[in-house]
Amino acid sequence: MKFVFSVALAALATTSPIAPATSEIVALAARNEIAKRDITENEYRVYGCRPVIFFFARGSTEIGNMGTVVGLGVCDGLKSAYGSSKVACQIVVGGYSQGAALTHRAVEGRSSSVKNKVVGAVTFGDTQNL
C-alpha cells in the first residue's frame, strides 16, 4: 500500500503546473552549453608557445583536462583578453580542488627559470593551502 501511494504521489508531483525557478533553467542551459563543448584543450601540444599559455588542473571528479566547474570559463576569459594566436611565451596556471593542489605543488617544485615564466596563477579550493 505504501509503495502504491508513493508511486501515485511521485506521478502527481511530476504533473505540477509550477514552472521551475529561473536559476534552474539557467543552470540547465549552462550545462547544455558545456555538454556541446569539447572540455579538453590541447592548444599547447598543437600550437606551442603563444602570448599566454594556460595550464589547468581540473578537480578529481571532473571530466576532460579542463573540467566543467571553472576551467573552461577562465580559459575563455584569457582567450578574450589576450587573443588566441601570438608568439611570445608567458605561462598562467590554474586548478580546481585537487587540481589546485597539484598546480600549487607543481609550480612550487620548479626551478627559478621556470617560475620566472609563470606570470599568473589562479586556484579554486586548493586543498594544500587551507
Protein backbone atom coordinates (compact mmCIF):
# COMPACT_ATOMS: atom_id res chain seq x y z
CA MET A 1 0.00 0.00 0.00
CA LYS A 2 2.79 2.42 0.89
CA PHE A 3 4.53 1.67 -2.42
CA VAL A 4 1.37 2.38 -4.45
CA PHE A 5 0.83 5.62 -2.53
CA SER A 6 4.48 6.66 -3.12
CA VAL A 7 4.22 5.98 -6.85
CA ALA A 8 0.94 7.90 -7.09
CA LEU A 9 2.44 10.83 -5.18
CA ALA A 10 5.52 10.86 -7.43
CA ALA A 11 3.34 10.81 -10.55
CA LEU A 12 1.25 13.66 -9.18
CA ALA A 13 4.35 15.72 -8.41
CA THR A 14 5.64 15.40 -11.98
CA THR A 15 2.42 16.89 -13.34
CA SER A 16 2.77 20.03 -11.23
CA PRO A 17 1.88 23.21 -13.18
CA ILE A 18 4.52 25.17 -11.24
CA ALA A 19 7.34 26.27 -13.54
CA PRO A 20 10.94 25.64 -12.43
CA ALA A 21 12.82 28.57 -10.96
CA THR A 22 14.72 30.79 -13.40
CA SER A 23 18.02 29.83 -11.77
CA GLU A 24 17.30 26.16 -12.51
CA ILE A 25 16.63 26.97 -16.16
CA VAL A 26 19.85 28.99 -16.39
CA ALA A 27 21.82 26.16 -14.76
CA LEU A 28 20.36 23.62 -17.20
CA ALA A 29 21.16 25.87 -20.16
CA ALA A 30 24.74 26.29 -18.93
CA ARG A 31 25.08 22.53 -18.50
CA ASN A 32 23.80 22.00 -22.05
CA GLU A 33 26.35 24.51 -23.39
CA ILE A 34 29.16 22.70 -21.57
CA ALA A 35 27.93 19.38 -22.98
CA LYS A 36 28.13 20.83 -26.51
CA ARG A 37 31.74 21.97 -25.99
CA ASP A 38 34.87 19.92 -26.03
CA ILE A 39 36.18 20.06 -22.48
CA THR A 40 39.68 19.06 -23.47
CA GLU A 41 42.16 21.70 -24.60
CA ASN A 42 45.31 20.69 -26.48
CA GLU A 43 46.42 24.07 -27.79
CA TYR A 44 49.92 23.93 -26.29
CA ARG A 45 50.52 20.48 -27.73
CA VAL A 46 49.23 21.57 -31.15
CA TYR A 47 50.45 25.19 -31.43
CA GLY A 48 53.34 25.52 -28.95
CA CYS A 49 54.14 28.91 -27.38
CA ARG A 50 51.65 31.76 -27.56
CA PRO A 51 51.50 35.04 -25.59
CA VAL A 52 49.78 33.22 -22.75
CA ILE A 53 49.82 29.50 -22.11
CA PHE A 54 47.20 28.37 -19.60
CA PHE A 55 47.85 25.05 -17.89
CA PHE A 56 44.86 23.98 -15.80
CA ALA A 57 44.39 21.00 -13.49
CA ARG A 58 40.75 20.03 -13.10
CA GLY A 59 39.07 18.72 -9.96
CA SER A 60 39.24 14.98 -9.31
CA THR A 61 35.65 14.20 -10.32
CA GLU A 62 35.57 16.44 -13.39
CA ILE A 63 35.89 15.27 -16.98
CA GLY A 64 38.29 16.30 -19.72
CA ASN A 65 41.52 18.12 -18.91
CA MET A 66 39.80 21.45 -18.19
CA GLY A 67 36.90 20.24 -16.08
CA THR A 68 33.49 21.89 -16.11
CA VAL A 69 33.34 23.97 -12.93
CA VAL A 70 35.85 26.79 -13.51
CA GLY A 71 38.48 25.75 -16.08
CA LEU A 72 36.52 26.47 -19.23
CA GLY A 73 35.38 29.90 -18.03
CA VAL A 74 38.87 31.00 -17.03
CA CYS A 75 40.27 29.72 -20.33
CA ASP A 76 37.60 31.58 -22.31
CA GLY A 77 38.32 34.77 -20.36
CA LEU A 78 42.04 34.55 -21.12
CA LYS A 79 41.32 33.97 -24.81
CA SER A 80 39.04 37.00 -24.87
CA ALA A 81 41.59 39.20 -23.09
CA TYR A 82 44.75 38.11 -24.92
CA GLY A 83 43.60 36.64 -28.22
CA SER A 84 44.46 33.15 -29.31
CA SER A 85 47.39 33.32 -31.71
CA LYS A 86 50.57 35.28 -30.89
CA VAL A 87 54.24 34.32 -30.50
CA ALA A 88 55.79 35.14 -27.06
CA CYS A 89 55.63 32.81 -24.08
CA GLN A 90 54.20 33.61 -20.65
CA ILE A 91 52.67 30.90 -18.51
CA VAL A 92 49.46 31.12 -16.49
CA VAL A 93 48.50 28.14 -14.34
CA GLY A 94 45.34 27.23 -12.51
CA GLY A 95 43.45 24.43 -10.89
CA TYR A 96 40.31 23.45 -9.06
CA SER A 97 40.10 21.31 -5.90
CA GLN A 98 42.74 18.58 -6.06
CA GLY A 99 43.83 20.09 -9.37
CA ALA A 100 44.56 23.31 -7.48
CA ALA A 101 46.74 21.39 -5.04
CA LEU A 102 48.54 19.75 -7.95
CA THR A 103 49.11 23.14 -9.58
CA HIS A 104 50.32 24.60 -6.30
CA ARG A 105 52.87 21.81 -5.80
CA ALA A 106 53.94 21.68 -9.46
CA VAL A 107 54.89 25.37 -9.55
CA GLU A 108 56.46 25.22 -6.12
CA GLY A 109 58.85 22.48 -7.23
CA ARG A 110 60.12 24.15 -10.44
CA SER A 111 63.44 25.88 -10.94
CA SER A 112 63.58 29.68 -10.71
CA SER A 113 63.99 29.96 -14.51
CA VAL A 114 60.64 28.19 -14.98
CA LYS A 115 58.96 30.08 -12.12
CA ASN A 116 60.01 33.38 -13.73
CA LYS A 117 57.92 32.50 -16.80
CA VAL A 118 54.81 31.94 -14.67
CA VAL A 119 53.10 35.33 -14.73
CA GLY A 120 49.83 34.33 -13.12
CA ALA A 121 48.16 31.60 -11.11
CA VAL A 122 44.55 31.08 -10.11
CA THR A 123 43.42 28.27 -7.85
CA PHE A 124 39.97 27.41 -6.56
CA GLY A 125 39.60 25.25 -3.45
CA ASP A 126 43.32 24.47 -3.09
CA THR A 127 43.42 21.56 -0.63
CA GLN A 128 47.13 22.19 0.03
CA ASN A 129 46.65 25.82 1.00
CA LEU A 130 43.93 25.80 3.63
